[in-house]
């Protein structure tokens, strides 16, 4: 099945089995190995990428569902010379240990920050019509789909809060 997606700004046409996940297409067919296959069940978030600006678990999504979509992986967020603000914050806050979950954490954080900026409510908000205040509890709730088995959560939250503070 032929599917065309734009990955990190570059149009790519793939002719793969219709059962190929977006994650497998990125890793195995396009060589973009930043997104990780952690659980392959959508429970850990290591495979998180941005599709049309929204964060998704790429292990749960078939490539065929994304014909014409814009996909951003960790490789497309920044460069070594010009890191994305979230990547820079992760470095400055030592927000990783083994690093396996880091690409998914960063992509999820980028998507989550946009959701908050757009006013999307969360489960912990008492007033869903209120302006989103990215407190530690709010960030933890919004990032709860991304697991860090090394438990770098305090640094991850600090990194996200630092970027959220810069954007405010």
N, C-alpha and C. Protein backbone atom coordinates (compact mmCIF):
# COMPACT_ATOMS: atom_id res chain seq x y z
N UNK A 1 0.84 -1.17 0.00
CA UNK A 1 0.00 0.00 0.00
C UNK A 1 0.89 1.24 0.00
N UNK A 2 0.64 2.14 -0.93
CA UNK A 2 1.42 3.38 -1.00
C UNK A 2 0.79 4.45 -0.11
N UNK A 3 1.63 5.07 0.69
CA UNK A 3 1.20 6.14 1.57
C UNK A 3 2.24 7.24 1.51
N UNK A 4 1.79 8.48 1.39
CA UNK A 4 2.70 9.62 1.38
C UNK A 4 2.48 10.43 2.64
N UNK A 5 3.55 10.64 3.39
CA UNK A 5 3.52 11.49 4.58
C UNK A 5 4.67 12.47 4.48
N UNK A 6 4.54 13.58 5.16
CA UNK A 6 5.64 14.52 5.24
C UNK A 6 6.27 14.33 6.61
N UNK A 7 7.52 13.91 6.61
CA UNK A 7 8.22 13.63 7.85
C UNK A 7 9.32 14.65 8.03
N UNK A 8 9.23 15.40 9.11
CA UNK A 8 10.22 16.43 9.43
C UNK A 8 10.46 17.36 8.24
N UNK A 9 9.34 17.70 7.56
CA UNK A 9 9.40 18.66 6.46
C UNK A 9 9.70 18.07 5.10
N UNK A 10 9.91 16.76 5.02
CA UNK A 10 10.25 16.13 3.74
C UNK A 10 9.17 15.12 3.35
N UNK A 11 8.59 15.28 2.16
CA UNK A 11 7.58 14.34 1.67
C UNK A 11 8.22 12.99 1.41
N UNK A 12 7.58 11.95 1.93
CA UNK A 12 8.09 10.58 1.77
C UNK A 12 6.95 9.68 1.35
N UNK A 13 7.15 8.88 0.30
CA UNK A 13 6.17 7.91 -0.13
C UNK A 13 6.70 6.53 0.19
N UNK A 14 5.89 5.77 0.89
CA UNK A 14 6.27 4.42 1.29
C UNK A 14 5.28 3.42 0.70
N UNK A 15 5.80 2.31 0.24
CA UNK A 15 4.97 1.22 -0.26
C UNK A 15 5.20 0.04 0.67
N UNK A 16 4.32 -0.07 1.67
CA UNK A 16 4.49 -1.09 2.71
C UNK A 16 3.19 -1.84 2.94
N UNK A 17 3.28 -2.91 3.69
CA UNK A 17 2.12 -3.69 4.08
C UNK A 17 1.12 -2.78 4.80
N UNK A 18 -0.15 -2.96 4.55
CA UNK A 18 -1.18 -2.10 5.14
C UNK A 18 -1.23 -2.20 6.67
N UNK A 19 -0.61 -3.22 7.24
CA UNK A 19 -0.60 -3.40 8.70
C UNK A 19 0.60 -2.74 9.37
N UNK A 20 1.42 -2.02 8.61
CA UNK A 20 2.62 -1.38 9.16
C UNK A 20 2.23 -0.21 10.04
N UNK A 21 2.76 -0.20 11.26
CA UNK A 21 2.48 0.93 12.15
C UNK A 21 3.30 2.13 11.73
N UNK A 22 2.87 3.29 12.17
CA UNK A 22 3.63 4.50 11.91
C UNK A 22 5.02 4.37 12.52
N UNK A 23 5.11 3.82 13.72
CA UNK A 23 6.41 3.64 14.37
C UNK A 23 7.34 2.77 13.54
N UNK A 24 6.85 1.63 13.07
CA UNK A 24 7.69 0.74 12.26
C UNK A 24 8.08 1.39 10.94
N UNK A 25 7.17 2.17 10.35
CA UNK A 25 7.51 2.87 9.10
C UNK A 25 8.64 3.86 9.36
N UNK A 26 8.55 4.60 10.45
CA UNK A 26 9.59 5.58 10.77
C UNK A 26 10.92 4.91 11.03
N UNK A 27 10.92 3.89 11.87
CA UNK A 27 12.16 3.24 12.29
C UNK A 27 12.75 2.33 11.20
N UNK A 28 11.93 1.45 10.67
CA UNK A 28 12.44 0.39 9.79
C UNK A 28 12.52 0.80 8.33
N UNK A 29 11.65 1.70 7.90
CA UNK A 29 11.63 2.05 6.48
C UNK A 29 12.28 3.40 6.19
N UNK A 30 12.27 4.30 7.19
CA UNK A 30 12.86 5.62 6.97
C UNK A 30 14.14 5.83 7.78
N UNK A 31 14.49 4.88 8.64
CA UNK A 31 15.73 4.97 9.40
C UNK A 31 15.73 6.03 10.49
N UNK A 32 14.56 6.49 10.89
CA UNK A 32 14.44 7.48 11.97
C UNK A 32 14.24 6.73 13.28
N UNK A 33 15.33 6.44 13.95
CA UNK A 33 15.28 5.55 15.11
C UNK A 33 15.18 6.29 16.44
N UNK A 34 14.93 7.59 16.41
CA UNK A 34 14.77 8.34 17.65
C UNK A 34 13.56 7.89 18.44
N UNK A 35 12.46 7.69 17.76
CA UNK A 35 11.25 7.18 18.43
C UNK A 35 11.48 5.72 18.78
N UNK A 36 11.19 5.38 20.01
CA UNK A 36 11.51 4.03 20.50
C UNK A 36 10.27 3.14 20.58
N UNK A 37 10.50 1.85 20.42
CA UNK A 37 9.46 0.85 20.64
C UNK A 37 9.68 0.34 22.05
N UNK A 38 8.85 0.82 22.97
CA UNK A 38 8.99 0.42 24.37
C UNK A 38 8.11 -0.77 24.68
N UNK A 39 6.81 -0.54 24.70
CA UNK A 39 5.88 -1.60 25.08
C UNK A 39 5.11 -2.15 23.88
N UNK A 40 5.02 -1.38 22.81
CA UNK A 40 4.26 -1.74 21.62
C UNK A 40 2.77 -1.91 21.91
N UNK A 41 2.29 -1.30 23.01
CA UNK A 41 0.88 -1.37 23.40
C UNK A 41 0.31 0.00 23.75
N UNK A 42 1.07 1.08 23.50
CA UNK A 42 0.58 2.42 23.80
C UNK A 42 0.55 2.77 25.28
N UNK A 43 1.33 2.05 26.08
CA UNK A 43 1.29 2.27 27.52
C UNK A 43 2.47 3.07 28.06
N UNK A 44 3.56 3.18 27.29
CA UNK A 44 4.77 3.80 27.85
C UNK A 44 5.09 5.17 27.25
N UNK A 45 4.65 5.46 26.04
CA UNK A 45 4.89 6.75 25.43
C UNK A 45 6.25 6.93 24.77
N UNK A 46 7.10 5.91 24.77
CA UNK A 46 8.43 6.03 24.17
C UNK A 46 8.36 6.30 22.67
N UNK A 47 7.25 5.96 22.05
CA UNK A 47 7.08 6.11 20.60
C UNK A 47 6.37 7.40 20.21
N UNK A 48 6.15 8.31 21.16
CA UNK A 48 5.37 9.52 20.89
C UNK A 48 6.01 10.37 19.80
N UNK A 49 5.19 10.74 18.82
CA UNK A 49 5.57 11.68 17.75
C UNK A 49 4.43 12.69 17.62
N UNK A 50 4.66 13.71 16.83
CA UNK A 50 3.62 14.71 16.57
C UNK A 50 3.07 14.49 15.17
N UNK A 51 1.77 14.38 15.05
CA UNK A 51 1.11 14.25 13.75
C UNK A 51 0.19 15.45 13.61
N UNK A 52 0.48 16.27 12.62
CA UNK A 52 -0.26 17.52 12.42
C UNK A 52 -0.28 18.34 13.70
N UNK A 53 0.82 18.27 14.45
CA UNK A 53 0.98 19.04 15.68
C UNK A 53 0.47 18.38 16.94
N UNK A 54 -0.28 17.29 16.81
CA UNK A 54 -0.83 16.59 17.98
C UNK A 54 0.03 15.38 18.32
N UNK A 55 0.20 15.13 19.60
CA UNK A 55 1.01 13.99 20.01
C UNK A 55 0.21 12.70 19.95
N UNK A 56 0.85 11.66 19.44
CA UNK A 56 0.22 10.34 19.36
C UNK A 56 1.24 9.27 19.70
N UNK A 57 0.74 8.12 20.09
CA UNK A 57 1.58 6.93 20.26
C UNK A 57 1.67 6.28 18.88
N UNK A 58 2.83 6.37 18.27
CA UNK A 58 2.96 5.88 16.89
C UNK A 58 2.91 4.37 16.79
N UNK A 59 3.07 3.66 17.91
CA UNK A 59 2.97 2.20 17.87
C UNK A 59 1.53 1.73 17.72
N UNK A 60 0.56 2.60 18.03
CA UNK A 60 -0.86 2.24 17.95
C UNK A 60 -1.53 2.73 16.68
N UNK A 61 -0.78 3.39 15.82
CA UNK A 61 -1.36 4.03 14.65
C UNK A 61 -0.79 3.43 13.38
N UNK A 62 -1.65 3.04 12.48
CA UNK A 62 -1.19 2.48 11.21
C UNK A 62 -0.73 3.60 10.29
N UNK A 63 0.34 3.35 9.55
CA UNK A 63 0.84 4.32 8.59
C UNK A 63 -0.25 4.73 7.62
N UNK A 64 -1.05 3.78 7.18
CA UNK A 64 -2.10 4.04 6.19
C UNK A 64 -3.10 5.10 6.65
N UNK A 65 -3.22 5.30 7.94
CA UNK A 65 -4.14 6.30 8.50
C UNK A 65 -3.62 7.72 8.32
N UNK A 66 -2.36 7.85 7.93
CA UNK A 66 -1.71 9.16 7.93
C UNK A 66 -1.34 9.68 6.55
N UNK A 67 -1.96 9.15 5.51
CA UNK A 67 -1.69 9.63 4.16
C UNK A 67 -1.95 11.14 4.11
N UNK A 68 -0.93 11.89 3.71
CA UNK A 68 -1.04 13.34 3.61
C UNK A 68 -0.72 14.10 4.88
N UNK A 69 -0.46 13.40 5.97
CA UNK A 69 -0.22 14.06 7.25
C UNK A 69 1.22 14.57 7.39
N UNK A 70 1.37 15.51 8.32
CA UNK A 70 2.69 16.06 8.69
C UNK A 70 3.12 15.34 9.97
N UNK A 71 4.25 14.66 9.93
CA UNK A 71 4.77 13.94 11.10
C UNK A 71 6.08 14.59 11.53
N UNK A 72 6.17 14.88 12.82
CA UNK A 72 7.42 15.41 13.37
C UNK A 72 7.93 14.43 14.41
N UNK A 73 9.16 13.98 14.21
CA UNK A 73 9.81 13.09 15.16
C UNK A 73 10.85 13.90 15.94
N UNK A 74 11.49 13.26 16.88
CA UNK A 74 12.53 13.94 17.66
C UNK A 74 13.62 14.49 16.74
N UNK A 75 13.89 13.80 15.64
CA UNK A 75 14.92 14.24 14.71
C UNK A 75 14.55 15.54 14.01
N UNK A 76 13.25 15.86 13.97
CA UNK A 76 12.79 17.05 13.27
C UNK A 76 12.53 18.25 14.16
N UNK A 77 12.72 18.11 15.46
CA UNK A 77 12.44 19.23 16.37
C UNK A 77 13.53 20.28 16.38
N UNK A 78 14.75 19.88 16.33
CA UNK A 78 15.85 20.83 16.38
C UNK A 78 17.10 20.20 15.80
N UNK A 79 18.17 20.97 15.80
CA UNK A 79 19.45 20.46 15.33
C UNK A 79 20.46 20.56 16.47
N UNK A 80 21.61 19.97 16.28
CA UNK A 80 22.65 20.04 17.30
C UNK A 80 23.07 21.48 17.56
N UNK A 81 23.02 22.30 16.53
CA UNK A 81 23.40 23.71 16.66
C UNK A 81 22.25 24.58 17.15
N UNK A 82 21.02 24.14 16.95
CA UNK A 82 19.85 24.93 17.29
C UNK A 82 18.77 24.02 17.88
N UNK A 83 18.92 23.68 19.15
CA UNK A 83 17.98 22.78 19.80
C UNK A 83 16.61 23.44 19.96
N UNK A 84 15.59 22.62 19.94
CA UNK A 84 14.24 23.08 20.28
C UNK A 84 14.28 23.49 21.76
N UNK A 85 13.50 24.49 22.18
CA UNK A 85 13.52 24.91 23.58
C UNK A 85 13.29 23.77 24.58
N UNK A 86 12.45 22.81 24.24
CA UNK A 86 12.22 21.68 25.15
C UNK A 86 13.47 20.80 25.22
N UNK A 87 14.12 20.56 24.09
CA UNK A 87 15.37 19.79 24.11
C UNK A 87 16.41 20.50 24.97
N UNK A 88 16.54 21.81 24.81
CA UNK A 88 17.49 22.58 25.60
C UNK A 88 17.17 22.49 27.09
N UNK A 89 15.89 22.59 27.42
CA UNK A 89 15.48 22.51 28.82
C UNK A 89 15.77 21.14 29.42
N UNK A 90 15.59 20.07 28.63
CA UNK A 90 15.91 18.74 29.12
C UNK A 90 17.40 18.63 29.44
N UNK A 91 18.23 19.21 28.60
CA UNK A 91 19.68 19.21 28.86
C UNK A 91 20.00 20.02 30.11
N UNK A 92 19.47 21.21 30.19
CA UNK A 92 19.78 22.10 31.31
C UNK A 92 19.28 21.57 32.64
N UNK A 93 18.20 20.79 32.63
CA UNK A 93 17.61 20.26 33.86
C UNK A 93 17.98 18.81 34.12
N UNK A 94 18.89 18.26 33.31
CA UNK A 94 19.31 16.87 33.45
C UNK A 94 18.09 15.94 33.53
N UNK A 95 17.17 16.13 32.57
CA UNK A 95 15.88 15.46 32.60
C UNK A 95 15.89 14.10 31.91
N UNK A 96 16.95 13.38 32.06
CA UNK A 96 17.03 12.03 31.51
C UNK A 96 18.12 11.27 32.25
N UNK A 97 18.00 9.96 32.24
CA UNK A 97 19.06 9.14 32.80
C UNK A 97 19.56 8.19 31.71
N UNK A 98 18.83 7.11 31.47
CA UNK A 98 19.29 6.21 30.41
C UNK A 98 19.00 6.80 29.03
N UNK A 99 17.97 7.65 28.92
CA UNK A 99 17.65 8.33 27.68
C UNK A 99 16.70 7.59 26.76
N UNK A 100 16.30 6.38 27.11
CA UNK A 100 15.44 5.61 26.22
C UNK A 100 14.09 6.29 25.99
N UNK A 101 13.50 6.84 27.05
CA UNK A 101 12.19 7.46 26.93
C UNK A 101 12.27 8.91 26.48
N UNK A 102 13.45 9.48 26.47
CA UNK A 102 13.61 10.92 26.25
C UNK A 102 12.99 11.43 24.94
N UNK A 103 13.19 10.78 23.80
CA UNK A 103 12.56 11.31 22.58
C UNK A 103 11.04 11.40 22.70
N UNK A 104 10.43 10.37 23.26
CA UNK A 104 8.98 10.39 23.46
C UNK A 104 8.56 11.43 24.47
N UNK A 105 9.34 11.57 25.54
CA UNK A 105 9.03 12.58 26.55
C UNK A 105 9.07 13.97 25.93
N UNK A 106 10.11 14.24 25.14
CA UNK A 106 10.26 15.57 24.54
C UNK A 106 9.15 15.85 23.53
N UNK A 107 8.86 14.89 22.66
CA UNK A 107 7.76 15.10 21.69
C UNK A 107 6.44 15.29 22.42
N UNK A 108 6.21 14.51 23.47
CA UNK A 108 4.99 14.65 24.23
C UNK A 108 4.92 16.01 24.91
N UNK A 109 6.04 16.47 25.46
CA UNK A 109 6.07 17.78 26.11
C UNK A 109 5.77 18.90 25.12
N UNK A 110 6.32 18.80 23.92
CA UNK A 110 6.05 19.82 22.90
C UNK A 110 4.56 19.85 22.58
N UNK A 111 3.97 18.68 22.37
CA UNK A 111 2.53 18.60 22.10
C UNK A 111 1.70 19.07 23.28
N UNK A 112 2.10 18.70 24.48
CA UNK A 112 1.37 19.08 25.68
C UNK A 112 1.41 20.59 25.91
N UNK A 113 2.54 21.20 25.67
CA UNK A 113 2.64 22.65 25.82
C UNK A 113 1.72 23.38 24.85
N UNK A 114 1.59 22.84 23.64
CA UNK A 114 0.67 23.45 22.67
C UNK A 114 -0.77 23.24 23.10
N UNK A 115 -1.09 22.05 23.60
CA UNK A 115 -2.44 21.79 24.10
C UNK A 115 -2.80 22.78 25.21
N UNK A 116 -1.87 23.00 26.13
CA UNK A 116 -2.10 23.93 27.24
C UNK A 116 -2.26 25.35 26.70
N UNK A 117 -1.42 25.74 25.75
CA UNK A 117 -1.52 27.08 25.16
C UNK A 117 -2.86 27.27 24.45
N UNK A 118 -3.39 26.19 23.88
CA UNK A 118 -4.68 26.24 23.19
C UNK A 118 -5.86 26.15 24.16
N UNK A 119 -5.57 25.97 25.46
CA UNK A 119 -6.62 25.95 26.47
C UNK A 119 -7.31 24.62 26.69
N UNK A 120 -6.69 23.53 26.23
CA UNK A 120 -7.30 22.22 26.44
C UNK A 120 -7.33 21.91 27.93
N UNK A 121 -8.47 21.53 28.48
CA UNK A 121 -8.53 21.19 29.91
C UNK A 121 -7.93 19.81 30.16
N UNK A 122 -7.64 19.56 31.44
CA UNK A 122 -7.13 18.24 31.83
C UNK A 122 -8.00 17.68 32.94
N UNK A 123 -7.72 16.47 33.33
CA UNK A 123 -8.46 15.78 34.37
C UNK A 123 -8.34 16.47 35.73
N UNK A 124 -7.22 17.13 36.00
CA UNK A 124 -7.02 17.73 37.32
C UNK A 124 -7.50 19.18 37.42
N UNK A 125 -7.93 19.75 36.32
CA UNK A 125 -8.43 21.13 36.36
C UNK A 125 -9.81 21.16 37.02
N UNK A 126 -9.97 22.00 38.04
CA UNK A 126 -11.27 22.12 38.71
C UNK A 126 -12.26 22.85 37.82
N UNK A 127 -11.80 23.86 37.10
CA UNK A 127 -12.66 24.63 36.20
C UNK A 127 -12.12 24.44 34.78
N UNK A 128 -12.82 23.65 33.99
CA UNK A 128 -12.32 23.33 32.65
C UNK A 128 -12.33 24.53 31.71
N UNK A 129 -12.99 25.61 32.12
CA UNK A 129 -13.00 26.82 31.30
C UNK A 129 -11.90 27.80 31.72
N UNK A 130 -11.18 27.46 32.78
CA UNK A 130 -10.13 28.35 33.29
C UNK A 130 -8.91 28.33 32.38
N UNK A 131 -8.08 29.36 32.52
CA UNK A 131 -6.80 29.40 31.82
C UNK A 131 -5.92 28.30 32.41
N UNK A 132 -5.23 27.57 31.56
CA UNK A 132 -4.39 26.47 32.02
C UNK A 132 -3.18 27.03 32.77
N UNK A 133 -3.00 26.55 33.99
CA UNK A 133 -1.84 26.90 34.81
C UNK A 133 -0.98 25.65 34.91
N UNK A 134 0.17 25.69 34.29
CA UNK A 134 1.02 24.49 34.26
C UNK A 134 1.79 24.32 35.57
N UNK A 135 1.05 23.95 36.59
CA UNK A 135 1.65 23.62 37.89
C UNK A 135 2.32 22.25 37.76
N UNK A 136 3.03 21.86 38.78
CA UNK A 136 3.66 20.54 38.78
C UNK A 136 2.61 19.45 38.63
N UNK A 137 1.50 19.55 39.37
CA UNK A 137 0.44 18.55 39.28
C UNK A 137 -0.16 18.51 37.88
N UNK A 138 -0.35 19.68 37.29
CA UNK A 138 -0.93 19.75 35.95
C UNK A 138 0.00 19.10 34.92
N UNK A 139 1.28 19.39 35.02
CA UNK A 139 2.25 18.80 34.09
C UNK A 139 2.30 17.29 34.27
N UNK A 140 2.34 16.84 35.51
CA UNK A 140 2.37 15.39 35.77
C UNK A 140 1.15 14.69 35.16
N UNK A 141 -0.03 15.30 35.32
CA UNK A 141 -1.24 14.71 34.74
C UNK A 141 -1.15 14.67 33.22
N UNK A 142 -0.75 15.76 32.62
CA UNK A 142 -0.70 15.85 31.16
C UNK A 142 0.39 14.96 30.56
N UNK A 143 1.42 14.67 31.33
CA UNK A 143 2.52 13.81 30.84
C UNK A 143 2.39 12.37 31.33
N UNK A 144 1.27 12.02 31.93
CA UNK A 144 1.12 10.70 32.56
C UNK A 144 1.17 9.54 31.56
N UNK A 145 1.03 9.80 30.29
CA UNK A 145 1.13 8.75 29.29
C UNK A 145 2.55 8.40 28.89
N UNK A 146 3.52 9.08 29.50
CA UNK A 146 4.93 8.83 29.20
C UNK A 146 5.63 8.34 30.46
N UNK A 147 6.13 7.12 30.38
CA UNK A 147 6.78 6.50 31.53
C UNK A 147 8.30 6.65 31.42
N UNK A 148 8.92 6.97 32.56
CA UNK A 148 10.38 6.96 32.67
C UNK A 148 10.73 5.91 33.71
N UNK A 149 11.30 4.83 33.25
CA UNK A 149 11.62 3.74 34.18
C UNK A 149 12.79 4.08 35.10
N UNK A 150 13.55 5.10 34.75
CA UNK A 150 14.66 5.55 35.61
C UNK A 150 14.18 6.55 36.66
N UNK A 151 12.96 7.00 36.55
CA UNK A 151 12.34 7.92 37.50
C UNK A 151 12.97 9.31 37.50
N UNK A 152 13.17 9.87 36.32
CA UNK A 152 13.70 11.24 36.20
C UNK A 152 12.56 12.25 36.21
N UNK A 153 11.42 11.88 36.77
CA UNK A 153 10.24 12.75 36.73
C UNK A 153 10.46 14.15 37.29
N UNK A 154 11.13 14.32 38.44
CA UNK A 154 11.30 15.69 38.95
C UNK A 154 12.03 16.59 37.96
N UNK A 155 13.04 16.05 37.28
CA UNK A 155 13.80 16.84 36.30
C UNK A 155 12.98 17.08 35.03
N UNK A 156 12.19 16.10 34.63
CA UNK A 156 11.33 16.26 33.45
C UNK A 156 10.32 17.37 33.71
N UNK A 157 9.68 17.34 34.86
CA UNK A 157 8.70 18.38 35.21
C UNK A 157 9.39 19.74 35.29
N UNK A 158 10.58 19.80 35.88
CA UNK A 158 11.31 21.06 35.97
C UNK A 158 11.64 21.59 34.58
N UNK A 159 12.03 20.72 33.68
CA UNK A 159 12.36 21.15 32.31
C UNK A 159 11.13 21.73 31.63
N UNK A 160 10.01 21.05 31.75
CA UNK A 160 8.78 21.51 31.12
C UNK A 160 8.32 22.82 31.74
N UNK A 161 8.41 22.92 33.05
CA UNK A 161 8.01 24.17 33.73
C UNK A 161 8.89 25.33 33.28
N UNK A 162 10.18 25.06 33.06
CA UNK A 162 11.06 26.14 32.63
C UNK A 162 10.66 26.66 31.24
N UNK A 163 10.28 25.76 30.36
CA UNK A 163 9.84 26.18 29.01
C UNK A 163 8.49 26.86 29.10
N UNK A 164 7.58 26.32 29.91
CA UNK A 164 6.26 26.93 30.07
C UNK A 164 6.39 28.32 30.66
N UNK A 165 7.32 28.51 31.57
CA UNK A 165 7.55 29.83 32.16
C UNK A 165 8.09 30.81 31.15
N UNK A 166 8.96 30.34 30.25
CA UNK A 166 9.51 31.21 29.20
C UNK A 166 8.42 31.63 28.22
N UNK A 167 7.44 30.74 28.00
CA UNK A 167 6.39 31.02 27.03
C UNK A 167 5.31 31.92 27.60
N UNK A 168 5.24 32.00 28.93
CA UNK A 168 4.17 32.78 29.58
C UNK A 168 4.42 34.27 29.51
